[in-house]
Amino acid sequence: MARRFRYAFVKRKEAAKGKLSVGCAIASFVLFAAAVLLSLFLNKKLGFLVGGVSIFAALLAAYGFLMGLASFSEQDRKHGTSMVGSILCGLFLVGWVGLFLLGV
């Protein structure tokens, strides 16, 4: 008889901080869209509101990037959302910093 191998795959959950990182990336993008729409509809009035939303979105992207990196230390977890969240938040953070440095 042939040998039968029995494999047992452990069902691992996603890292909790990775999910938080993806949520922060989505929230940062939504706030970016809100800042663009506010800027468009307010016609350069209430600029402090647009700036406040933008700074909050940039801080949220930075927090999401840090949480995404911290989620890689969680043991026995899948890290798919950690990678996606870290990459997205990193890109959004670079975009926000670039917009602030350009003075747009």
C-alpha atoms as a PDB file:
ATOM      1  CA  MET A   1       0.000   0.000   0.000  1.00  0.00           C
ATOM      2  CA  ALA A   2       1.056   3.539  -0.679  1.00  0.00           C
ATOM      3  CA  ARG A   3       1.760   5.787   2.213  1.00  0.00           C
ATOM      4  CA  ARG A   4      -0.933   8.325   2.925  1.00  0.00           C
ATOM      5  CA  PHE A   5       0.170  11.633   4.233  1.00  0.00           C
ATOM      6  CA  ARG A   6      -2.214  13.585   6.339  1.00  0.00           C
ATOM      7  CA  TYR A   7      -1.736  17.273   6.382  1.00  0.00           C
ATOM      8  CA  ALA A   8      -3.313  19.559   8.893  1.00  0.00           C
ATOM      9  CA  PHE A   9      -3.456  23.219   8.062  1.00  0.00           C
ATOM     10  CA  VAL A  10      -3.879  25.620  10.906  1.00  0.00           C
ATOM     11  CA  LYS A  11      -6.477  28.259  10.206  1.00  0.00           C
ATOM     12  CA  ARG A  12      -4.824  31.492  11.195  1.00  0.00           C
ATOM     13  CA  LYS A  13      -6.554  34.801  11.637  1.00  0.00           C
ATOM     14  CA  GLU A  14      -5.428  38.088  10.169  1.00  0.00           C
ATOM     15  CA  ALA A  15      -3.356  40.340  12.386  1.00  0.00           C
ATOM     16  CA  ALA A  16      -5.572  42.791  14.264  1.00  0.00           C
ATOM     17  CA  LYS A  17      -3.217  45.715  13.789  1.00  0.00           C
ATOM     18  CA  GLY A  18      -3.093  44.899  10.074  1.00  0.00           C
ATOM     19  CA  LYS A  19      -6.845  45.334   9.849  1.00  0.00           C
ATOM     20  CA  LEU A  20      -6.488  48.627  11.709  1.00  0.00           C
ATOM     21  CA  SER A  21      -3.828  49.713   9.235  1.00  0.00           C
ATOM     22  CA  VAL A  22      -6.088  49.034   6.245  1.00  0.00           C
ATOM     23  CA  GLY A  23      -8.909  50.906   7.985  1.00  0.00           C
ATOM     24  CA  CYS A  24      -6.629  53.900   8.517  1.00  0.00           C
ATOM     25  CA  ALA A  25      -5.630  53.827   4.849  1.00  0.00           C
ATOM     26  CA  ILE A  26      -9.262  53.832   3.750  1.00  0.00           C
ATOM     27  CA  ALA A  27     -10.117  56.615   6.192  1.00  0.00           C
ATOM     28  CA  SER A  28      -7.169  58.697   4.984  1.00  0.00           C
ATOM     29  CA  PHE A  29      -8.311  58.317   1.380  1.00  0.00           C
ATOM     30  CA  VAL A  30     -11.900  59.245   2.275  1.00  0.00           C
ATOM     31  CA  LEU A  31     -10.643  62.328   4.125  1.00  0.00           C
ATOM     32  CA  PHE A  32      -8.532  63.248   1.100  1.00  0.00           C
ATOM     33  CA  ALA A  33     -11.642  63.087  -1.089  1.00  0.00           C
ATOM     34  CA  ALA A  34     -13.547  65.155   1.502  1.00  0.00           C
ATOM     35  CA  ALA A  35     -10.786  67.787   1.551  1.00  0.00           C
ATOM     36  CA  VAL A  36     -10.811  68.010  -2.233  1.00  0.00           C
ATOM     37  CA  LEU A  37     -14.594  68.362  -2.328  1.00  0.00           C
ATOM     38  CA  LEU A  38     -14.583  70.957   0.457  1.00  0.00           C
ATOM     39  CA  SER A  39     -11.943  72.940  -1.373  1.00  0.00           C
ATOM     40  CA  LEU A  40     -13.901  72.737  -4.602  1.00  0.00           C
ATOM     41  CA  PHE A  41     -17.271  73.753  -3.186  1.00  0.00           C
ATOM     42  CA  LEU A  42     -16.146  76.378  -0.669  1.00  0.00           C
ATOM     43  CA  ASN A  43     -14.217  78.432  -3.262  1.00  0.00           C
ATOM     44  CA  LYS A  44     -11.202  79.207  -1.058  1.00  0.00           C
ATOM     45  CA  LYS A  45     -13.355  80.069   1.947  1.00  0.00           C
ATOM     46  CA  LEU A  46     -12.846  78.294   5.262  1.00  0.00           C
ATOM     47  CA  GLY A  47      -9.359  77.137   4.312  1.00  0.00           C
ATOM     48  CA  PHE A  48      -8.635  76.199   7.912  1.00  0.00           C
ATOM     49  CA  LEU A  49     -11.302  73.497   7.630  1.00  0.00           C
ATOM     50  CA  VAL A  50      -9.653  71.962   4.573  1.00  0.00           C
ATOM     51  CA  GLY A  51      -6.244  72.213   6.220  1.00  0.00           C
ATOM     52  CA  GLY A  52      -7.484  70.589   9.409  1.00  0.00           C
ATOM     53  CA  VAL A  53      -9.022  67.682   7.527  1.00  0.00           C
ATOM     54  CA  SER A  54      -5.801  67.271   5.542  1.00  0.00           C
ATOM     55  CA  ILE A  55      -3.544  67.279   8.593  1.00  0.00           C
ATOM     56  CA  PHE A  56      -5.801  64.768  10.347  1.00  0.00           C
ATOM     57  CA  ALA A  57      -5.698  62.516   7.278  1.00  0.00           C
ATOM     58  CA  ALA A  58      -1.889  62.731   7.159  1.00  0.00           C
ATOM     59  CA  LEU A  59      -1.623  61.850  10.861  1.00  0.00           C
ATOM     60  CA  LEU A  60      -4.033  58.978  10.333  1.00  0.00           C
ATOM     61  CA  ALA A  61      -1.865  57.653   7.489  1.00  0.00           C
ATOM     62  CA  ALA A  62       1.231  57.881   9.714  1.00  0.00           C
ATOM     63  CA  TYR A  63      -0.545  56.019  12.519  1.00  0.00           C
ATOM     64  CA  GLY A  64      -1.752  53.356  10.085  1.00  0.00           C
ATOM     65  CA  PHE A  65       1.771  52.917   8.736  1.00  0.00           C
ATOM     66  CA  LEU A  66       3.162  52.424  12.240  1.00  0.00           C
ATOM     67  CA  MET A  67       0.391  49.976  13.163  1.00  0.00           C
ATOM     68  CA  GLY A  68       0.983  48.048   9.952  1.00  0.00           C
ATOM     69  CA  LEU A  69       4.651  47.681  10.770  1.00  0.00           C
ATOM     70  CA  ALA A  70       3.880  46.740  14.372  1.00  0.00           C
ATOM     71  CA  SER A  71       1.471  44.024  13.230  1.00  0.00           C
ATOM     72  CA  PHE A  72       4.299  41.985  11.737  1.00  0.00           C
ATOM     73  CA  SER A  73       5.415  41.081  15.258  1.00  0.00           C
ATOM     74  CA  GLU A  74       2.153  39.238  16.007  1.00  0.00           C
ATOM     75  CA  GLN A  75       2.809  35.493  16.087  1.00  0.00           C
ATOM     76  CA  ASP A  76       0.642  32.826  14.419  1.00  0.00           C
ATOM     77  CA  ARG A  77      -1.243  35.339  12.298  1.00  0.00           C
ATOM     78  CA  LYS A  78      -1.559  35.964   8.578  1.00  0.00           C
ATOM     79  CA  HIS A  79       0.048  39.186   7.451  1.00  0.00           C
ATOM     80  CA  GLY A  80      -1.732  39.926   4.176  1.00  0.00           C
ATOM     81  CA  THR A  81      -3.623  42.903   5.515  1.00  0.00           C
ATOM     82  CA  SER A  82      -0.469  44.063   7.273  1.00  0.00           C
ATOM     83  CA  MET A  83       1.379  44.310   3.963  1.00  0.00           C
ATOM     84  CA  VAL A  84      -1.499  46.002   2.168  1.00  0.00           C
ATOM     85  CA  GLY A  85      -2.120  48.462   4.994  1.00  0.00           C
ATOM     86  CA  SER A  86       1.551  49.335   5.403  1.00  0.00           C
ATOM     87  CA  ILE A  87       2.043  49.932   1.693  1.00  0.00           C
ATOM     88  CA  LEU A  88      -1.124  51.992   1.268  1.00  0.00           C
ATOM     89  CA  CYS A  89      -0.542  54.099   4.360  1.00  0.00           C
ATOM     90  CA  GLY A  90       3.083  54.633   3.353  1.00  0.00           C
ATOM     91  CA  LEU A  91       2.054  55.819  -0.102  1.00  0.00           C
ATOM     92  CA  PHE A  92      -0.631  58.095   1.304  1.00  0.00           C
ATOM     93  CA  LEU A  93       1.816  59.512   3.847  1.00  0.00           C
ATOM     94  CA  VAL A  94       4.370  60.274   1.128  1.00  0.00           C
ATOM     95  CA  GLY A  95       1.605  61.898  -0.925  1.00  0.00           C
ATOM     96  CA  TRP A  96       0.458  64.057   1.981  1.00  0.00           C
ATOM     97  CA  VAL A  97       3.989  65.138   2.827  1.00  0.00           C
ATOM     98  CA  GLY A  98       4.569  65.940  -0.836  1.00  0.00           C
ATOM     99  CA  LEU A  99       1.410  68.071  -0.966  1.00  0.00           C
ATOM    100  CA  PHE A 100       2.393  69.941   2.178  1.00  0.00           C
ATOM    101  CA  LEU A 101       5.912  70.585   0.872  1.00  0.00           C
ATOM    102  CA  LEU A 102       4.589  71.846  -2.443  1.00  0.00           C
ATOM    103  CA  GLY A 103       2.272  74.190  -0.592  1.00  0.00           C
ATOM    104  CA  VAL A 104      -0.819  73.117  -2.498  1.00  0.00           C
END
